[in-house]
Amino acid sequence: MITKIVGTNVTNINSTPSDIGVSTLVRIYSANIAVITQTTAAAGAIGNITVPAGSVTFITKAYTDLLSSDVAVICTPVAYQVG
């Protein structure tokens, strides 16, 4: 898999939920165990996922959905590049 960067890092979703540059695919790096929560723009809960310490995960979302975390994480808007 080749990952294409499409925006700048967002690092403060533990204090303010973010749409991560209205991205529909987000790469998340977490140095610590983190709970990532996804909500709609109208604050409707979609769900959450626990990310292990020192790992990278990818989350797909609607461009208006918001992500938040219980600890500091690094979120980067990305796209998959084929070929």
Protein backbone atom coordinates (compact mmCIF):
# COMPACT_ATOMS: atom_id res chain seq x y z
CA MET A 1 0.00 0.00 0.00
CA ILE A 2 1.21 3.47 -0.87
CA THR A 3 -0.13 6.33 1.22
CA LYS A 4 -0.56 9.76 -0.35
CA ILE A 5 -0.47 12.75 2.02
CA VAL A 6 -3.26 15.21 1.22
CA GLY A 7 -2.98 17.69 4.11
CA THR A 8 -1.12 18.70 7.24
CA ASN A 9 -1.04 16.90 10.59
CA VAL A 10 -3.71 17.65 13.18
CA THR A 11 -2.52 17.00 16.74
CA ASN A 12 -5.07 18.52 19.12
CA ILE A 13 -8.11 16.23 18.78
CA ASN A 14 -7.78 15.37 22.47
CA SER A 15 -8.92 18.93 23.27
CA THR A 16 -11.03 19.83 20.20
CA PRO A 17 -12.79 17.37 17.85
CA SER A 18 -11.71 17.83 14.22
CA ASP A 19 -12.83 16.90 10.72
CA ILE A 20 -9.08 16.50 9.91
CA GLY A 21 -9.20 18.86 6.93
CA VAL A 22 -12.49 17.36 5.70
CA SER A 23 -10.60 14.19 4.82
CA THR A 24 -12.43 10.90 4.26
CA LEU A 25 -9.36 8.80 5.12
CA VAL A 26 -7.20 9.55 8.15
CA ARG A 27 -3.89 8.00 9.26
CA ILE A 28 -3.55 8.07 13.06
CA TYR A 29 -0.33 7.53 15.01
CA SER A 30 -0.62 7.05 18.74
CA ALA A 31 2.40 6.88 21.04
CA ASN A 32 0.12 5.82 23.91
CA ILE A 33 -3.02 3.70 24.17
CA ALA A 34 -5.78 5.92 22.75
CA VAL A 35 -9.54 5.77 22.36
CA ILE A 36 -10.54 7.46 19.09
CA THR A 37 -14.19 8.54 18.90
CA GLN A 38 -16.04 9.34 15.68
CA THR A 39 -19.13 11.55 15.70
CA THR A 40 -21.27 13.25 13.08
CA ALA A 41 -21.01 17.00 12.62
CA ALA A 42 -24.27 17.24 14.61
CA ALA A 43 -22.54 15.47 17.57
CA GLY A 44 -24.26 12.16 16.91
CA ALA A 45 -22.17 9.24 18.16
CA ILE A 46 -20.93 6.81 15.52
CA GLY A 47 -18.50 4.78 17.62
CA ASN A 48 -14.99 4.43 18.96
CA ILE A 49 -11.88 2.30 18.62
CA THR A 50 -8.96 1.61 20.95
CA VAL A 51 -5.57 2.09 19.31
CA PRO A 52 -2.56 0.29 20.86
CA ALA A 53 0.47 2.30 21.98
CA GLY A 54 3.07 2.90 19.28
CA SER A 55 0.76 1.97 16.42
CA VAL A 56 -0.69 3.40 13.23
CA THR A 57 -4.30 2.90 12.16
CA PHE A 58 -6.43 4.22 9.33
CA ILE A 59 -10.02 5.41 9.73
CA THR A 60 -12.47 6.13 6.93
CA LYS A 61 -15.19 8.67 7.61
CA ALA A 62 -17.59 11.08 5.96
CA TYR A 63 -15.84 14.37 5.23
CA THR A 64 -17.97 16.18 7.83
CA ASP A 65 -17.52 13.56 10.60
CA LEU A 66 -15.38 14.57 13.58
CA LEU A 67 -12.66 12.60 15.36
CA SER A 68 -11.58 13.07 18.96
CA SER A 69 -9.25 11.22 21.32
CA ASP A 70 -8.67 10.82 25.03
CA VAL A 71 -4.89 11.41 24.59
CA ALA A 72 -2.68 13.27 22.13
CA VAL A 73 -2.40 11.54 18.74
CA ILE A 74 -1.15 12.62 15.31
CA CYS A 75 -3.77 12.58 12.55
CA THR A 76 -2.87 13.03 8.89
CA PRO A 77 -5.38 13.31 6.04
CA VAL A 78 -4.33 10.76 3.42
CA ALA A 79 -5.46 8.86 0.34
CA TYR A 80 -4.47 5.46 -1.00
CA GLN A 81 -2.41 5.64 -4.13
CA VAL A 82 -2.48 2.73 -6.52
CA GLY A 83 0.47 2.00 -8.76
